[in-house]
PDB file of N, CA and C in Angstrom:
ATOM      1  N   MET A   1      -1.838 -12.810 -31.615  1.00  0.00           N
ATOM      2  CA  MET A   1      -0.410 -13.213 -31.338  1.00  0.00           C
ATOM      3  C   MET A   1      -0.560 -14.252 -30.237  1.00  0.00           C
ATOM      4  N   LEU A   2       0.463 -15.274 -30.424  1.00  0.00           N
ATOM      5  CA  LEU A   2       0.378 -16.352 -29.555  1.00  0.00           C
ATOM      6  C   LEU A   2       1.293 -16.145 -28.483  1.00  0.00           C
ATOM      7  N   SER A   3       1.218 -16.210 -27.285  1.00  0.00           N
ATOM      8  CA  SER A   3       2.045 -16.226 -26.061  1.00  0.00           C
ATOM      9  C   SER A   3       1.869 -17.301 -25.067  1.00  0.00           C
ATOM     10  N   ASN A   4       2.569 -17.379 -24.012  1.00  0.00           N
ATOM     11  CA  ASN A   4       2.639 -18.402 -23.033  1.00  0.00           C
ATOM     12  C   ASN A   4       2.824 -17.663 -21.919  1.00  0.00           C
ATOM     13  N   LEU A   5       1.692 -18.117 -20.883  1.00  0.00           N
ATOM     14  CA  LEU A   5       1.901 -17.445 -19.639  1.00  0.00           C
ATOM     15  C   LEU A   5       3.032 -17.774 -18.632  1.00  0.00           C
ATOM     16  N   PHE A   6       3.366 -18.819 -19.055  1.00  0.00           N
ATOM     17  CA  PHE A   6       4.751 -19.503 -18.265  1.00  0.00           C
ATOM     18  C   PHE A   6       5.902 -19.159 -19.195  1.00  0.00           C
ATOM     19  N   GLY A   7       6.015 -18.718 -20.129  1.00  0.00           N
ATOM     20  CA  GLY A   7       7.009 -18.389 -21.105  1.00  0.00           C
ATOM     21  C   GLY A   7       7.779 -17.242 -20.385  1.00  0.00           C
ATOM     22  N   SER A   8       9.252 -17.250 -20.644  1.00  0.00           N
ATOM     23  CA  SER A   8      10.093 -16.047 -20.182  1.00  0.00           C
ATOM     24  C   SER A   8       9.889 -15.702 -18.562  1.00  0.00           C
ATOM     25  N   LEU A   9       9.672 -16.591 -17.831  1.00  0.00           N
ATOM     26  CA  LEU A   9       9.689 -16.415 -16.392  1.00  0.00           C
ATOM     27  C   LEU A   9      10.868 -15.650 -15.979  1.00  0.00           C
ATOM     28  N   PRO A  10      11.016 -14.827 -15.051  1.00  0.00           N
ATOM     29  CA  PRO A  10      12.259 -14.298 -14.530  1.00  0.00           C
ATOM     30  C   PRO A  10      12.919 -15.283 -13.791  1.00  0.00           C
ATOM     31  N   ALA A  11      14.238 -15.283 -13.629  1.00  0.00           N
ATOM     32  CA  ALA A  11      15.179 -16.152 -12.630  1.00  0.00           C
ATOM     33  C   ALA A  11      14.695 -16.138 -11.279  1.00  0.00           C
ATOM     34  N   ALA A  12      14.745 -17.237 -10.519  1.00  0.00           N
ATOM     35  CA  ALA A  12      14.207 -17.135  -9.257  1.00  0.00           C
ATOM     36  C   ALA A  12      15.012 -16.236  -8.300  1.00  0.00           C
ATOM     37  N   GLY A  13      16.164 -15.915  -8.564  1.00  0.00           N
ATOM     38  CA  GLY A  13      16.990 -14.911  -7.905  1.00  0.00           C
ATOM     39  C   GLY A  13      16.733 -13.286  -8.179  1.00  0.00           C
ATOM     40  N   GLU A  14      15.548 -13.093  -9.019  1.00  0.00           N
ATOM     41  CA  GLU A  14      15.299 -11.589  -9.252  1.00  0.00           C
ATOM     42  C   GLU A  14      15.026 -10.942  -8.013  1.00  0.00           C
ATOM     43  N   ALA A  15      15.347  -9.906  -7.803  1.00  0.00           N
ATOM     44  CA  ALA A  15      15.046  -8.901  -6.533  1.00  0.00           C
ATOM     45  C   ALA A  15      13.823  -8.285  -6.585  1.00  0.00           C
ATOM     46  N   GLU A  16      13.325  -8.029  -7.712  1.00  0.00           N
ATOM     47  CA  GLU A  16      12.135  -7.364  -7.808  1.00  0.00           C
ATOM     48  C   GLU A  16      10.818  -8.267  -8.304  1.00  0.00           C
ATOM     49  N   GLU A  17       9.621  -7.954  -7.890  1.00  0.00           N
ATOM     50  CA  GLU A  17       8.585  -8.376  -8.692  1.00  0.00           C
ATOM     51  C   GLU A  17       8.523  -7.971 -10.049  1.00  0.00           C
ATOM     52  N   VAL A  18       7.978  -8.973 -10.777  1.00  0.00           N
ATOM     53  CA  VAL A  18       7.792  -8.584 -12.339  1.00  0.00           C
ATOM     54  C   VAL A  18       6.235  -8.496 -12.716  1.00  0.00           C
ATOM     55  N   PHE A  19       5.705  -7.441 -13.379  1.00  0.00           N
ATOM     56  CA  PHE A  19       4.607  -7.147 -13.652  1.00  0.00           C
ATOM     57  C   PHE A  19       4.520  -7.012 -15.264  1.00  0.00           C
ATOM     58  N   ASN A  20       3.791  -7.970 -15.875  1.00  0.00           N
ATOM     59  CA  ASN A  20       3.663  -7.907 -17.313  1.00  0.00           C
ATOM     60  C   ASN A  20       2.138  -7.762 -17.764  1.00  0.00           C
ATOM     61  N   ASP A  21       1.817  -6.513 -18.489  1.00  0.00           N
ATOM     62  CA  ASP A  21       0.544  -6.595 -18.885  1.00  0.00           C
ATOM     63  C   ASP A  21       0.277  -7.586 -20.217  1.00  0.00           C
ATOM     64  N   LEU A  22      -0.911  -8.301 -19.953  1.00  0.00           N
ATOM     65  CA  LEU A  22      -0.907  -9.212 -20.991  1.00  0.00           C
ATOM     66  C   LEU A  22      -2.103  -8.660 -22.019  1.00  0.00           C
ATOM     67  N   LEU A  23      -2.996  -7.966 -21.392  1.00  0.00           N
ATOM     68  CA  LEU A  23      -4.113  -7.323 -22.239  1.00  0.00           C
ATOM     69  C   LEU A  23      -4.424  -5.889 -21.537  1.00  0.00           C
ATOM     70  N   ALA A  24      -4.458  -4.709 -22.318  1.00  0.00           N
ATOM     71  CA  ALA A  24      -4.959  -3.603 -21.818  1.00  0.00           C
ATOM     72  C   ALA A  24      -5.731  -2.793 -22.682  1.00  0.00           C
ATOM     73  N   VAL A  25      -7.029  -2.824 -22.378  1.00  0.00           N
ATOM     74  CA  VAL A  25      -8.067  -2.074 -23.075  1.00  0.00           C
ATOM     75  C   VAL A  25      -8.760  -1.148 -22.200  1.00  0.00           C
ATOM     76  N   PRO A  26      -9.605  -0.011 -22.574  1.00  0.00           N
ATOM     77  CA  PRO A  26     -10.127   0.750 -21.576  1.00  0.00           C
ATOM     78  C   PRO A  26     -11.116  -0.104 -20.722  1.00  0.00           C
ATOM     79  N   GLY A  27     -10.928   0.025 -19.501  1.00  0.00           N
ATOM     80  CA  GLY A  27     -11.580  -0.411 -18.330  1.00  0.00           C
ATOM     81  C   GLY A  27     -11.192  -1.790 -17.898  1.00  0.00           C
ATOM     82  N   LEU A  28     -10.379  -2.427 -18.589  1.00  0.00           N
ATOM     83  CA  LEU A  28      -9.911  -3.798 -18.369  1.00  0.00           C
ATOM     84  C   LEU A  28      -8.553  -3.885 -18.594  1.00  0.00           C
ATOM     85  N   ARG A  29      -7.681  -4.366 -17.642  1.00  0.00           N
ATOM     86  CA  ARG A  29      -6.332  -4.854 -17.659  1.00  0.00           C
ATOM     87  C   ARG A  29      -5.919  -6.116 -17.011  1.00  0.00           C
ATOM     88  N   ILE A  30      -5.393  -7.175 -17.723  1.00  0.00           N
ATOM     89  CA  ILE A  30      -4.865  -8.468 -17.551  1.00  0.00           C
ATOM     90  C   ILE A  30      -3.423  -8.526 -17.233  1.00  0.00           C
ATOM     91  N   GLU A  31      -2.997  -8.789 -15.927  1.00  0.00           N
ATOM     92  CA  GLU A  31      -1.459  -8.829 -15.840  1.00  0.00           C
ATOM     93  C   GLU A  31      -0.986 -10.105 -15.218  1.00  0.00           C
ATOM     94  N   ARG A  32       0.344 -10.443 -15.593  1.00  0.00           N
ATOM     95  CA  ARG A  32       0.910 -11.533 -15.064  1.00  0.00           C
ATOM     96  C   ARG A  32       1.889 -10.980 -13.946  1.00  0.00           C
ATOM     97  N   ILE A  33       1.882 -11.431 -12.893  1.00  0.00           N
ATOM     98  CA  ILE A  33       2.843 -11.048 -11.720  1.00  0.00           C
ATOM     99  C   ILE A  33       3.551 -12.211 -11.303  1.00  0.00           C
ATOM    100  N   VAL A  34       5.094 -11.968 -11.342  1.00  0.00           N
ATOM    101  CA  VAL A  34       5.856 -12.940 -10.890  1.00  0.00           C
ATOM    102  C   VAL A  34       6.509 -12.670  -9.619  1.00  0.00           C
ATOM    103  N   SER A  35       6.460 -13.348  -8.694  1.00  0.00           N
ATOM    104  CA  SER A  35       7.054 -12.990  -7.341  1.00  0.00           C
ATOM    105  C   SER A  35       8.075 -14.007  -6.888  1.00  0.00           C
ATOM    106  N   HIS A  36       8.988 -13.756  -6.033  1.00  0.00           N
ATOM    107  CA  HIS A  36       9.870 -14.526  -5.382  1.00  0.00           C
ATOM    108  C   HIS A  36      10.125 -14.264  -3.849  1.00  0.00           C
ATOM    109  N   GLY A  37       8.999 -14.239  -3.289  1.00  0.00           N
ATOM    110  CA  GLY A  37       9.278 -13.954  -1.674  1.00  0.00           C
ATOM    111  C   GLY A  37       8.927 -12.508  -1.505  1.00  0.00           C
ATOM    112  N   GLN A  38       8.612 -11.698  -2.496  1.00  0.00           N
ATOM    113  CA  GLN A  38       8.105 -10.287  -1.978  1.00  0.00           C
ATOM    114  C   GLN A  38       6.725 -10.348  -1.314  1.00  0.00           C
ATOM    115  N   CYS A  39       6.539  -9.188  -0.517  1.00  0.00           N
ATOM    116  CA  CYS A  39       5.279  -8.862  -0.078  1.00  0.00           C
ATOM    117  C   CYS A  39       5.237  -7.370   0.037  1.00  0.00           C
ATOM    118  N   SER A  40       4.040  -6.980   0.462  1.00  0.00           N
ATOM    119  CA  SER A  40       3.915  -5.364   0.631  1.00  0.00           C
ATOM    120  C   SER A  40       4.906  -4.864   1.854  1.00  0.00           C
ATOM    121  N   PRO A  41       5.205  -3.646   1.788  1.00  0.00           N
ATOM    122  CA  PRO A  41       6.124  -3.029   2.553  1.00  0.00           C
ATOM    123  C   PRO A  41       5.182  -3.046   4.148  1.00  0.00           C
ATOM    124  N   PRO A  42       5.859  -3.120   5.436  1.00  0.00           N
ATOM    125  CA  PRO A  42       5.055  -2.799   6.529  1.00  0.00           C
ATOM    126  C   PRO A  42       4.219  -1.707   6.672  1.00  0.00           C
ATOM    127  N   GLY A  43       2.887  -1.838   6.950  1.00  0.00           N
ATOM    128  CA  GLY A  43       2.190  -0.626   7.012  1.00  0.00           C
ATOM    129  C   GLY A  43       1.412  -0.070   5.589  1.00  0.00           C
ATOM    130  N   PHE A  44       1.931  -0.823   4.529  1.00  0.00           N
ATOM    131  CA  PHE A  44       1.374  -0.201   3.221  1.00  0.00           C
ATOM    132  C   PHE A  44       0.121  -1.343   2.874  1.00  0.00           C
ATOM    133  N   TRP A  45      -0.953  -0.435   2.383  1.00  0.00           N
ATOM    134  CA  TRP A  45      -2.221  -1.005   2.051  1.00  0.00           C
ATOM    135  C   TRP A  45      -2.632  -0.593   0.488  1.00  0.00           C
ATOM    136  N   TYR A  46      -3.075  -1.531  -0.227  1.00  0.00           N
ATOM    137  CA  TYR A  46      -3.439  -1.080  -1.649  1.00  0.00           C
ATOM    138  C   TYR A  46      -4.962  -0.766  -1.302  1.00  0.00           C
ATOM    139  N   ASP A  47      -5.478   0.475  -1.738  1.00  0.00           N
ATOM    140  CA  ASP A  47      -6.838   0.974  -1.711  1.00  0.00           C
ATOM    141  C   ASP A  47      -7.125   1.502  -3.082  1.00  0.00           C
ATOM    142  N   GLN A  48      -7.394   0.517  -3.967  1.00  0.00           N
ATOM    143  CA  GLN A  48      -7.788   0.845  -5.386  1.00  0.00           C
ATOM    144  C   GLN A  48      -9.018   1.263  -5.823  1.00  0.00           C
ATOM    145  N   GLY A  49      -8.984   2.168  -6.808  1.00  0.00           N
ATOM    146  CA  GLY A  49     -10.426   2.730  -7.230  1.00  0.00           C
ATOM    147  C   GLY A  49     -10.925   1.705  -8.214  1.00  0.00           C
ATOM    148  N   TRP A  50     -10.579   0.431  -8.362  1.00  0.00           N
ATOM    149  CA  TRP A  50     -11.101  -0.523  -9.520  1.00  0.00           C
ATOM    150  C   TRP A  50     -11.301  -1.783  -8.861  1.00  0.00           C
ATOM    151  N   ASP A  51     -11.938  -2.702  -9.209  1.00  0.00           N
ATOM    152  CA  ASP A  51     -12.051  -4.007  -8.930  1.00  0.00           C
ATOM    153  C   ASP A  51     -10.848  -4.920  -9.353  1.00  0.00           C
ATOM    154  N   GLU A  52     -10.366  -5.886  -8.640  1.00  0.00           N
ATOM    155  CA  GLU A  52      -9.324  -6.638  -8.933  1.00  0.00           C
ATOM    156  C   GLU A  52      -9.780  -8.119  -8.568  1.00  0.00           C
ATOM    157  N   TRP A  53      -9.487  -9.229  -9.561  1.00  0.00           N
ATOM    158  CA  TRP A  53      -9.588 -10.444  -9.217  1.00  0.00           C
ATOM    159  C   TRP A  53      -8.402 -11.231  -9.437  1.00  0.00           C
ATOM    160  N   VAL A  54      -7.755 -11.885  -8.452  1.00  0.00           N
ATOM    161  CA  VAL A  54      -6.333 -12.558  -8.595  1.00  0.00           C
ATOM    162  C   VAL A  54      -6.447 -14.090  -8.462  1.00  0.00           C
ATOM    163  N   LEU A  55      -5.548 -14.693  -9.015  1.00  0.00           N
ATOM    164  CA  LEU A  55      -5.417 -16.081  -9.216  1.00  0.00           C
ATOM    165  C   LEU A  55      -4.057 -16.361  -9.047  1.00  0.00           C
ATOM    166  N   VAL A  56      -3.854 -17.368  -8.259  1.00  0.00           N
ATOM    167  CA  VAL A  56      -2.401 -17.935  -8.059  1.00  0.00           C
ATOM    168  C   VAL A  56      -2.539 -19.304  -8.909  1.00  0.00           C
ATOM    169  N   LEU A  57      -1.518 -19.224  -9.987  1.00  0.00           N
ATOM    170  CA  LEU A  57      -1.306 -20.306 -10.918  1.00  0.00           C
ATOM    171  C   LEU A  57      -0.111 -21.313 -10.199  1.00  0.00           C
ATOM    172  N   GLN A  58       0.912 -20.685  -9.757  1.00  0.00           N
ATOM    173  CA  GLN A  58       1.928 -21.452  -9.156  1.00  0.00           C
ATOM    174  C   GLN A  58       2.372 -20.755  -8.108  1.00  0.00           C
ATOM    175  N   GLY A  59       2.982 -21.579  -7.026  1.00  0.00           N
ATOM    176  CA  GLY A  59       3.529 -21.147  -5.878  1.00  0.00           C
ATOM    177  C   GLY A  59       2.503 -20.852  -4.890  1.00  0.00           C
ATOM    178  N   GLU A  60       2.711 -19.889  -3.843  1.00  0.00           N
ATOM    179  CA  GLU A  60       1.781 -19.620  -2.800  1.00  0.00           C
ATOM    180  C   GLU A  60       2.036 -18.187  -2.456  1.00  0.00           C
ATOM    181  N   ALA A  61       0.764 -17.512  -1.756  1.00  0.00           N
ATOM    182  CA  ALA A  61       0.751 -16.195  -1.439  1.00  0.00           C
ATOM    183  C   ALA A  61      -0.388 -15.895  -0.350  1.00  0.00           C
ATOM    184  N   GLY A  62      -0.180 -14.919   0.379  1.00  0.00           N
ATOM    185  CA  GLY A  62      -0.998 -14.657   1.328  1.00  0.00           C
ATOM    186  C   GLY A  62      -1.552 -13.260   1.228  1.00  0.00           C
ATOM    187  N   LEU A  63      -2.849 -13.048   1.317  1.00  0.00           N
ATOM    188  CA  LEU A  63      -3.446 -11.745   1.236  1.00  0.00           C
ATOM    189  C   LEU A  63      -3.941 -11.410   2.550  1.00  0.00           C
ATOM    190  N   GLN A  64      -3.736 -10.319   2.984  1.00  0.00           N
ATOM    191  CA  GLN A  64      -4.134  -9.664   4.109  1.00  0.00           C
ATOM    192  C   GLN A  64      -5.386  -8.654   3.894  1.00  0.00           C
ATOM    193  N   ILE A  65      -6.509  -8.726   4.401  1.00  0.00           N
ATOM    194  CA  ILE A  65      -7.656  -7.818   4.174  1.00  0.00           C
ATOM    195  C   ILE A  65      -7.776  -6.911   5.328  1.00  0.00           C
ATOM    196  N   HIS A  66      -7.800  -5.533   5.105  1.00  0.00           N
ATOM    197  CA  HIS A  66      -7.898  -4.722   6.295  1.00  0.00           C
ATOM    198  C   HIS A  66      -9.206  -4.985   7.097  1.00  0.00           C
ATOM    199  N   GLY A  67      -8.903  -4.965   8.566  1.00  0.00           N
ATOM    200  CA  GLY A  67      -9.939  -5.360   9.424  1.00  0.00           C
ATOM    201  C   GLY A  67     -10.143  -6.828   9.705  1.00  0.00           C
ATOM    202  N   ARG A  68      -9.449  -7.637   9.137  1.00  0.00           N
ATOM    203  CA  ARG A  68      -9.548  -9.043   9.254  1.00  0.00           C
ATOM    204  C   ARG A  68      -8.239  -9.672   9.950  1.00  0.00           C
ATOM    205  N   GLU A  69      -8.231 -10.314  10.850  1.00  0.00           N
ATOM    206  CA  GLU A  69      -7.028 -10.822  11.347  1.00  0.00           C
ATOM    207  C   GLU A  69      -6.426 -11.904  10.486  1.00  0.00           C
ATOM    208  N   ALA A  70      -7.093 -12.991  10.195  1.00  0.00           N
ATOM    209  CA  ALA A  70      -6.499 -14.088   9.345  1.00  0.00           C
ATOM    210  C   ALA A  70      -5.870 -13.696   7.942  1.00  0.00           C
ATOM    211  N   VAL A  71      -4.933 -14.148   7.612  1.00  0.00           N
ATOM    212  CA  VAL A  71      -4.440 -14.069   6.250  1.00  0.00           C
ATOM    213  C   VAL A  71      -4.957 -15.014   5.203  1.00  0.00           C
ATOM    214  N   LEU A  72      -5.427 -14.676   4.125  1.00  0.00           N
ATOM    215  CA  LEU A  72      -6.074 -15.411   3.336  1.00  0.00           C
ATOM    216  C   LEU A  72      -5.061 -16.259   2.364  1.00  0.00           C
ATOM    217  N   ALA A  73      -4.791 -17.417   2.647  1.00  0.00           N
ATOM    218  CA  ALA A  73      -3.792 -18.165   2.064  1.00  0.00           C
ATOM    219  C   ALA A  73      -4.188 -18.769   0.631  1.00  0.00           C
ATOM    220  N   LEU A  74      -3.392 -18.540  -0.307  1.00  0.00           N
ATOM    221  CA  LEU A  74      -3.641 -18.802  -1.817  1.00  0.00           C
ATOM    222  C   LEU A  74      -2.732 -19.655  -2.278  1.00  0.00           C
ATOM    223  N   LYS A  75      -3.239 -20.957  -2.658  1.00  0.00           N
ATOM    224  CA  LYS A  75      -2.347 -22.064  -3.423  1.00  0.00           C
ATOM    225  C   LYS A  75      -2.751 -22.033  -4.870  1.00  0.00           C
ATOM    226  N   PRO A  76      -1.904 -22.859  -5.712  1.00  0.00           N
ATOM    227  CA  PRO A  76      -2.413 -22.785  -6.980  1.00  0.00           C
ATOM    228  C   PRO A  76      -4.027 -23.252  -7.151  1.00  0.00           C
ATOM    229  N   GLY A  77      -4.494 -22.428  -8.081  1.00  0.00           N
ATOM    230  CA  GLY A  77      -5.931 -22.438  -8.372  1.00  0.00           C
ATOM    231  C   GLY A  77      -6.853 -21.860  -7.534  1.00  0.00           C
ATOM    232  N   ASP A  78      -6.254 -21.253  -6.368  1.00  0.00           N
ATOM    233  CA  ASP A  78      -6.951 -20.417  -5.582  1.00  0.00           C
ATOM    234  C   ASP A  78      -7.187 -18.942  -5.999  1.00  0.00           C
ATOM    235  N   HIS A  79      -8.304 -18.241  -6.003  1.00  0.00           N
ATOM    236  CA  HIS A  79      -8.615 -16.982  -6.424  1.00  0.00           C
ATOM    237  C   HIS A  79      -9.394 -15.884  -5.436  1.00  0.00           C
ATOM    238  N   ALA A  80      -9.191 -14.779  -5.411  1.00  0.00           N
ATOM    239  CA  ALA A  80      -9.811 -13.949  -4.667  1.00  0.00           C
ATOM    240  C   ALA A  80     -10.430 -12.675  -5.353  1.00  0.00           C
ATOM    241  N   TRP A  81     -11.643 -12.050  -5.032  1.00  0.00           N
ATOM    242  CA  TRP A  81     -12.239 -11.023  -5.608  1.00  0.00           C
ATOM    243  C   TRP A  81     -11.905  -9.700  -4.660  1.00  0.00           C
ATOM    244  N   LEU A  82     -11.300  -8.843  -5.240  1.00  0.00           N
ATOM    245  CA  LEU A  82     -10.964  -7.482  -4.268  1.00  0.00           C
ATOM    246  C   LEU A  82     -11.645  -6.529  -4.809  1.00  0.00           C
ATOM    247  N   PRO A  83     -12.648  -6.077  -4.404  1.00  0.00           N
ATOM    248  CA  PRO A  83     -13.781  -4.977  -4.853  1.00  0.00           C
ATOM    249  C   PRO A  83     -12.894  -3.547  -4.747  1.00  0.00           C
ATOM    250  N   ALA A  84     -13.179  -2.626  -5.542  1.00  0.00           N
ATOM    251  CA  ALA A  84     -12.702  -1.470  -5.377  1.00  0.00           C
ATOM    252  C   ALA A  84     -12.926  -0.747  -3.984  1.00  0.00           C
ATOM    253  N   GLY A  85     -12.032  -0.128  -3.636  1.00  0.00           N
ATOM    254  CA  GLY A  85     -11.898   0.474  -2.285  1.00  0.00           C
ATOM    255  C   GLY A  85     -11.540  -0.769  -0.978  1.00  0.00           C
ATOM    256  N   LEU A  86     -11.411  -1.801  -1.285  1.00  0.00           N
ATOM    257  CA  LEU A  86     -11.310  -2.920  -0.253  1.00  0.00           C
ATOM    258  C   LEU A  86      -9.677  -2.767   0.134  1.00  0.00           C
ATOM    259  N   ARG A  87      -9.328  -2.350   1.171  1.00  0.00           N
ATOM    260  CA  ARG A  87      -7.980  -2.120   1.586  1.00  0.00           C
ATOM    261  C   ARG A  87      -7.271  -3.577   1.905  1.00  0.00           C
ATOM    262  N   HIS A  88      -6.385  -3.789   1.264  1.00  0.00           N
ATOM    263  CA  HIS A  88      -5.478  -5.095   1.214  1.00  0.00           C
ATOM    264  C   HIS A  88      -4.123  -4.915   0.997  1.00  0.00           C
ATOM    265  N   ARG A  89      -3.472  -5.995   1.372  1.00  0.00           N
ATOM    266  CA  ARG A  89      -1.909  -6.199   1.161  1.00  0.00           C
ATOM    267  C   ARG A  89      -1.500  -7.450   0.991  1.00  0.00           C
ATOM    268  N   VAL A  90      -0.387  -7.604   0.375  1.00  0.00           N
ATOM    269  CA  VAL A  90       0.244  -9.106   0.006  1.00  0.00           C
ATOM    270  C   VAL A  90       1.181  -9.365   1.465  1.00  0.00           C
ATOM    271  N   ALA A  91       0.689 -10.342   2.232  1.00  0.00           N
ATOM    272  CA  ALA A  91       1.506 -10.643   3.378  1.00  0.00           C
ATOM    273  C   ALA A  91       2.781 -11.427   3.245  1.00  0.00           C
ATOM    274  N   TYR A  92       2.551 -12.239   2.246  1.00  0.00           N
ATOM    275  CA  TYR A  92       3.854 -13.095   1.916  1.00  0.00           C
ATOM    276  C   TYR A  92       3.578 -13.733   0.374  1.00  0.00           C
ATOM    277  N   THR A  93       4.667 -14.107  -0.314  1.00  0.00           N
ATOM    278  CA  THR A  93       4.934 -14.888  -1.440  1.00  0.00           C
ATOM    279  C   THR A  93       5.874 -16.044  -1.069  1.00  0.00           C
ATOM    280  N   SER A  94       5.661 -17.146  -1.829  1.00  0.00           N
ATOM    281  CA  SER A  94       6.665 -18.321  -1.390  1.00  0.00           C
ATOM    282  C   SER A  94       7.982 -17.847  -1.663  1.00  0.00           C
ATOM    283  N   THR A  95       8.986 -18.311  -0.809  1.00  0.00           N
ATOM    284  CA  THR A  95      10.303 -18.165  -0.995  1.00  0.00           C
ATOM    285  C   THR A  95      11.039 -19.367  -1.513  1.00  0.00           C
ATOM    286  N   LEU A  96      10.303 -20.442  -1.542  1.00  0.00           N
ATOM    287  CA  LEU A  96      10.797 -21.700  -2.022  1.00  0.00           C
ATOM    288  C   LEU A  96      10.671 -22.079  -3.589  1.00  0.00           C
ATOM    289  N   GLU A  97       9.604 -21.341  -4.137  1.00  0.00           N
ATOM    290  CA  GLU A  97       9.325 -21.447  -5.420  1.00  0.00           C
ATOM    291  C   GLU A  97       8.777 -20.155  -6.098  1.00  0.00           C
ATOM    292  N   THR A  98       8.861 -19.892  -7.555  1.00  0.00           N
ATOM    293  CA  THR A  98       8.232 -19.002  -8.014  1.00  0.00           C
ATOM    294  C   THR A  98       6.842 -18.981  -7.878  1.00  0.00           C
ATOM    295  N   THR A  99       6.174 -17.669  -7.481  1.00  0.00           N
ATOM    296  CA  THR A  99       4.817 -17.611  -7.408  1.00  0.00           C
ATOM    297  C   THR A  99       4.266 -16.784  -8.731  1.00  0.00           C
ATOM    298  N   VAL A 100       3.326 -17.346  -9.383  1.00  0.00           N
ATOM    299  CA  VAL A 100       2.911 -16.723 -10.773  1.00  0.00           C
ATOM    300  C   VAL A 100       1.325 -16.572 -10.396  1.00  0.00           C
ATOM    301  N   TRP A 101       1.019 -15.238 -10.478  1.00  0.00           N
ATOM    302  CA  TRP A 101      -0.264 -14.821 -10.424  1.00  0.00           C
ATOM    303  C   TRP A 101      -0.844 -14.222 -11.824  1.00  0.00           C
ATOM    304  N   LEU A 102      -2.310 -14.190 -11.908  1.00  0.00           N
ATOM    305  CA  LEU A 102      -2.994 -13.641 -12.885  1.00  0.00           C
ATOM    306  C   LEU A 102      -3.643 -12.557 -12.180  1.00  0.00           C
ATOM    307  N   ALA A 103      -3.773 -11.434 -12.539  1.00  0.00           N
ATOM    308  CA  ALA A 103      -4.522 -10.275 -11.884  1.00  0.00           C
ATOM    309  C   ALA A 103      -5.399  -9.623 -13.117  1.00  0.00           C
ATOM    310  N   VAL A 104      -6.772  -9.524 -12.919  1.00  0.00           N
ATOM    311  CA  VAL A 104      -7.670  -8.975 -13.736  1.00  0.00           C
ATOM    312  C   VAL A 104      -8.126  -7.768 -13.062  1.00  0.00           C
ATOM    313  N   HIS A 105      -7.760  -6.520 -13.759  1.00  0.00           N
ATOM    314  CA  HIS A 105      -8.540  -5.333 -12.973  1.00  0.00           C
ATOM    315  C   HIS A 105      -9.452  -4.703 -13.778  1.00  0.00           C
ATOM    316  N   ARG A 106     -10.495  -4.378 -13.218  1.00  0.00           N
ATOM    317  CA  ARG A 106     -11.839  -3.854 -13.925  1.00  0.00           C
ATOM    318  C   ARG A 106     -12.437  -2.707 -13.408  1.00  0.00           C
ATOM    319  N   GLY A 107     -12.712  -1.854 -14.176  1.00  0.00           N
ATOM    320  CA  GLY A 107     -13.392  -0.537 -13.739  1.00  0.00           C
ATOM    321  C   GLY A 107     -13.024   0.646 -14.521  1.00  0.00           C
ATOM    322  N   GLU A 108     -13.503   1.782 -14.375  1.00  0.00           N
ATOM    323  CA  GLU A 108     -13.352   3.034 -15.006  1.00  0.00           C
ATOM    324  C   GLU A 108     -12.084   3.702 -14.799  1.00  0.00           C
ATOM    325  N   SER A 109     -11.538   3.400 -13.552  1.00  0.00           N
ATOM    326  CA  SER A 109     -10.246   3.972 -12.980  1.00  0.00           C
ATOM    327  C   SER A 109      -8.980   3.228 -13.540  1.00  0.00           C
ATOM    328  N   VAL A 110      -9.211   2.116 -14.098  1.00  0.00           N
ATOM    329  CA  VAL A 110      -8.129   1.248 -14.651  1.00  0.00           C
ATOM    330  C   VAL A 110      -7.458   2.089 -15.752  1.00  0.00           C
ATOM    331  N   SER A 111      -5.933   1.965 -15.671  1.00  0.00           N
ATOM    332  CA  SER A 111      -5.140   2.555 -16.726  1.00  0.00           C
ATOM    333  C   SER A 111      -4.244   1.594 -17.092  1.00  0.00           C
ATOM    334  N   MET A 112      -3.824   1.743 -18.152  1.00  0.00           N
ATOM    335  CA  MET A 112      -2.593   0.951 -18.586  1.00  0.00           C
ATOM    336  C   MET A 112      -1.287   1.039 -17.729  1.00  0.00           C
ATOM    337  N   GLY A 113      -1.076   0.006 -17.074  1.00  0.00           N
ATOM    338  CA  GLY A 113       0.479  -0.078 -16.116  1.00  0.00           C
ATOM    339  C   GLY A 113       0.135   0.823 -14.944  1.00  0.00           C
ATOM    340  N   ALA A 114      -1.048   1.001 -14.596  1.00  0.00           N
ATOM    341  CA  ALA A 114      -1.281   1.632 -13.406  1.00  0.00           C
ATOM    342  C   ALA A 114      -1.413   0.440 -12.098  1.00  0.00           C
ATOM    343  N   GLU A 115      -1.087   0.945 -10.920  1.00  0.00           N
ATOM    344  CA  GLU A 115      -1.238  -0.162  -9.772  1.00  0.00           C
ATOM    345  C   GLU A 115      -1.291   0.696  -8.526  1.00  0.00           C
TER     346      GLU A 115
END
């Protein structure tokens, strides 16, 4: 089935981030994330039991890694590897344009739709 990663993007005024699974098979999940200024809540940290690779295709985002002061700024084409157990959070996403991410989740703990 043919699909376009940039097709059917939510409107810029959406209040929520949108997560769409593009592929989900045992041990692997690929999702598109569309953000409009969202970030992790204060004090919240992802601490996943699986590996994640993220790529920013459009817009901008910042990742904060636990124990590191500097925020990792991601612009189109920038990607980051987040191994299982690495505490991280989304510090910001662009408020001026839609941010489109591609996230690849890998590992035995990955389940369809789990985050």
